Protein backbone atom coordinates (compact mmCIF):
# COMPACT_ATOMS: atom_id res chain seq x y z
CA MET A 1 19.03 -3.83 -72.81
CA SER A 2 19.04 -7.54 -72.51
CA SER A 3 20.44 -10.21 -74.96
CA HIS A 4 17.33 -9.18 -76.97
CA GLU A 5 17.54 -5.22 -78.54
CA TYR A 6 13.54 -4.74 -79.21
CA SER A 7 12.73 -2.42 -82.36
CA THR A 8 9.65 -0.66 -80.56
CA LEU A 9 8.40 0.72 -77.35
CA GLN A 10 5.32 -1.16 -77.39
CA GLU A 11 7.45 -4.71 -77.66
CA TRP A 12 9.74 -3.73 -74.57
CA LEU A 13 6.58 -2.37 -73.14
CA LEU A 14 4.94 -5.84 -73.28
CA VAL A 15 7.78 -7.57 -71.97
CA VAL A 16 8.08 -5.24 -69.25
CA THR A 17 4.12 -5.54 -67.94
CA GLU A 18 3.71 -8.92 -69.11
CA LYS A 19 3.12 -10.26 -65.10
CA LEU A 20 1.57 -7.27 -64.02
CA PRO A 21 -2.03 -7.14 -62.78
CA THR A 22 -4.20 -5.33 -65.81
CA ALA A 23 -5.08 -1.99 -63.80
CA VAL A 24 -1.37 -1.66 -62.29
CA SER A 25 -0.26 -2.47 -66.13
CA HIS A 26 -1.91 0.45 -68.26
CA THR A 27 -0.72 2.66 -65.06
CA VAL A 28 2.70 1.15 -65.77
CA THR A 29 2.47 1.57 -69.64
CA GLN A 30 1.09 5.30 -69.75
CA GLU A 31 4.15 6.46 -67.23
CA LEU A 32 6.38 4.15 -69.22
CA THR A 33 5.38 5.84 -72.45
CA ASN A 34 5.28 9.44 -71.26
CA HIS A 35 8.51 9.11 -70.14
CA PHE A 36 9.84 7.76 -73.23
CA LEU A 37 7.93 10.28 -75.60
CA ASP A 38 9.37 12.95 -73.32
CA ALA A 39 13.14 11.71 -73.80
CA VAL A 40 12.50 11.55 -77.68
CA GLU A 41 11.33 14.99 -77.38
CA GLU A 42 14.74 15.78 -75.56
CA TYR A 43 17.23 13.80 -78.21
CA GLU A 44 15.15 15.39 -80.85
CA ALA A 45 15.44 19.02 -79.85
CA ASP A 46 19.16 18.19 -79.84
CA GLY A 47 19.18 17.70 -83.12
CA LEU A 48 18.98 14.05 -83.34
CA SER A 49 16.36 11.91 -86.19
CA GLN A 50 13.31 10.62 -84.82
CA PRO A 51 14.75 6.74 -85.80
CA GLU A 52 18.09 7.80 -83.71
CA ALA A 53 16.25 9.50 -80.88
CA GLU A 54 14.03 6.73 -80.39
CA ALA A 55 16.37 4.17 -80.47
CA ARG A 56 18.06 6.29 -77.91
CA ALA A 57 15.14 7.07 -75.67
CA LEU A 58 14.40 2.83 -75.68
CA ALA A 59 17.61 2.01 -74.86
CA GLU A 60 17.71 4.80 -71.83
CA LEU A 61 14.63 2.68 -70.50
CA GLY A 62 16.56 -0.17 -69.74
CA ALA A 63 16.56 -3.78 -70.04
CA ALA A 64 12.94 -5.09 -70.27
CA ASP A 65 13.55 -8.07 -68.08
CA ALA A 66 15.26 -6.24 -65.52
CA VAL A 67 12.71 -3.05 -65.53
CA GLY A 68 9.72 -5.85 -65.11
CA ARG A 69 10.82 -7.81 -62.36
CA ARG A 70 11.23 -4.71 -60.65
CA LEU A 71 7.98 -3.96 -61.19
CA LYS A 72 6.61 -6.96 -60.09
CA ASP A 73 8.47 -6.60 -57.20
CA VAL A 74 6.84 -3.01 -56.35
CA HIS A 75 3.81 -3.72 -57.11
CA LEU A 76 2.64 -7.39 -56.35
CA GLY A 77 5.52 -7.97 -53.55
CA GLN A 78 5.97 -4.55 -51.05
CA PRO A 79 2.83 -6.11 -49.79
CA HIS A 80 2.90 -9.36 -48.84
CA TYR A 81 6.41 -8.27 -47.20
CA LYS A 82 4.41 -6.07 -44.98
CA THR A 83 1.81 -8.75 -43.64
CA ALA A 84 4.43 -11.33 -44.19
CA ALA A 85 6.47 -9.92 -41.46
CA PHE A 86 3.18 -8.62 -39.59
CA ALA A 87 2.38 -12.35 -39.11
CA SER A 88 5.86 -13.29 -38.34
CA LEU A 89 5.60 -11.01 -35.43
CA LEU A 90 1.75 -12.21 -34.71
CA ILE A 91 3.13 -15.66 -34.47
CA LEU A 92 5.77 -14.27 -31.89
CA ALA A 93 3.78 -12.65 -29.43
CA LEU A 94 1.39 -15.52 -29.44
CA MET A 95 3.92 -17.90 -28.75
CA MET A 96 5.56 -15.83 -25.98
CA GLY A 97 2.10 -14.62 -24.60
CA ILE A 98 -0.74 -16.61 -24.75
CA PRO A 99 0.23 -19.77 -23.26
CA ALA A 100 1.61 -17.34 -20.30
CA LEU A 101 -1.58 -15.62 -19.97
CA VAL A 102 -3.81 -18.57 -20.10
CA TYR A 103 -1.94 -20.31 -17.40
CA ARG A 104 -2.56 -17.55 -15.56
CA LEU A 105 -5.91 -17.20 -15.60
CA PHE A 106 -6.93 -20.52 -15.72
CA ALA A 107 -4.23 -22.57 -13.93
CA GLU A 108 -7.38 -24.58 -11.52
CA GLU A 109 -9.34 -25.33 -15.03
CA PRO A 110 -7.05 -27.86 -16.72
CA ARG A 111 -9.65 -28.78 -19.48
CA VAL A 112 -9.70 -24.93 -20.53
CA VAL A 113 -5.49 -25.27 -20.27
CA GLN A 114 -5.95 -27.86 -22.44
CA MET A 115 -8.11 -26.50 -25.41
CA SER A 116 -6.08 -23.19 -25.25
CA GLN A 117 -3.22 -25.16 -26.26
CA VAL A 118 -4.98 -26.52 -29.20
CA ALA A 119 -6.39 -24.03 -30.14
CA LEU A 120 -3.25 -21.94 -30.03
CA GLY A 121 -1.50 -24.45 -31.99
CA VAL A 122 -3.95 -24.24 -34.52
CA LEU A 123 -3.94 -20.66 -35.13
CA LEU A 124 0.02 -20.63 -34.53
CA ALA A 125 0.06 -23.54 -37.44
CA GLY A 126 -1.95 -21.43 -39.69
CA LEU A 127 -0.36 -17.70 -39.13
CA THR A 128 2.85 -20.49 -39.97
CA VAL A 129 1.66 -21.78 -43.12
CA TYR A 130 0.44 -18.77 -44.55
CA VAL A 131 3.77 -16.96 -43.49
CA LEU A 132 5.55 -19.46 -45.74
CA ASN A 133 3.38 -19.62 -48.60
CA THR A 134 3.77 -16.02 -48.86
CA LEU A 135 7.03 -16.32 -48.53
CA ARG A 136 7.06 -18.90 -51.52
CA ARG A 137 5.18 -16.39 -53.51
CA LEU A 138 7.64 -13.31 -53.17
CA LEU A 139 10.71 -15.84 -53.95
CA LEU A 140 8.81 -16.82 -57.05
CA TRP A 141 7.92 -13.54 -58.21
CA ARG A 142 11.41 -11.89 -56.99
CA PHE A 143 14.03 -14.51 -58.83
CA ASP A 144 11.59 -16.56 -61.61
CA LEU A 145 12.06 -19.68 -59.11
CA ALA A 146 9.26 -21.94 -60.96
CA GLY A 147 11.27 -24.92 -61.04
CA VAL A 148 11.13 -24.89 -57.21
CA ASP A 149 7.49 -24.35 -56.71
CA LYS A 150 5.99 -27.61 -56.62
CA PRO A 151 8.87 -28.68 -53.85
CA LEU A 152 7.90 -26.00 -51.96
CA LYS A 153 4.31 -26.36 -52.01
CA VAL A 154 4.73 -30.26 -51.25
CA ALA A 155 7.42 -28.98 -47.82
CA ILE A 156 4.69 -26.28 -47.05
CA GLY A 157 1.70 -29.14 -47.01
CA SER A 158 3.86 -31.31 -45.33
CA TYR A 159 3.97 -28.64 -42.26
CA LEU A 160 0.78 -29.66 -41.25
């Protein structure tokens, strides 16, 4: 366990699920409770008393803070990793492809080229801010870096 020993499964579950959305929290609580009860039954079948079996099953679940971080990463972070990766690829494609395409199509119309460059710049800035903000949230969730949240927000805001 971590530095804190939990005397009951409920205390342990509160720590594990405290930063998860409610719907996810209920599902995770049910799954972990079932796992705990199965382990208790196995230990009791091996001859341990109920308190000993519960203590061993609780220890088997692992450190509550570490399990909570992993669950938070799985349930909150992974979809954002994919979205940020897609947005980053979109930024790259826009930076490389759109200017060449617009120039080829409208090379003789300078006003259209200028307007498309402005629109592209705005789109790229918006996507970049989205990616940076998503990465900021992922870092906060993954590493509990609440102390650097404000400087990161300032840095992202100053990008604009």
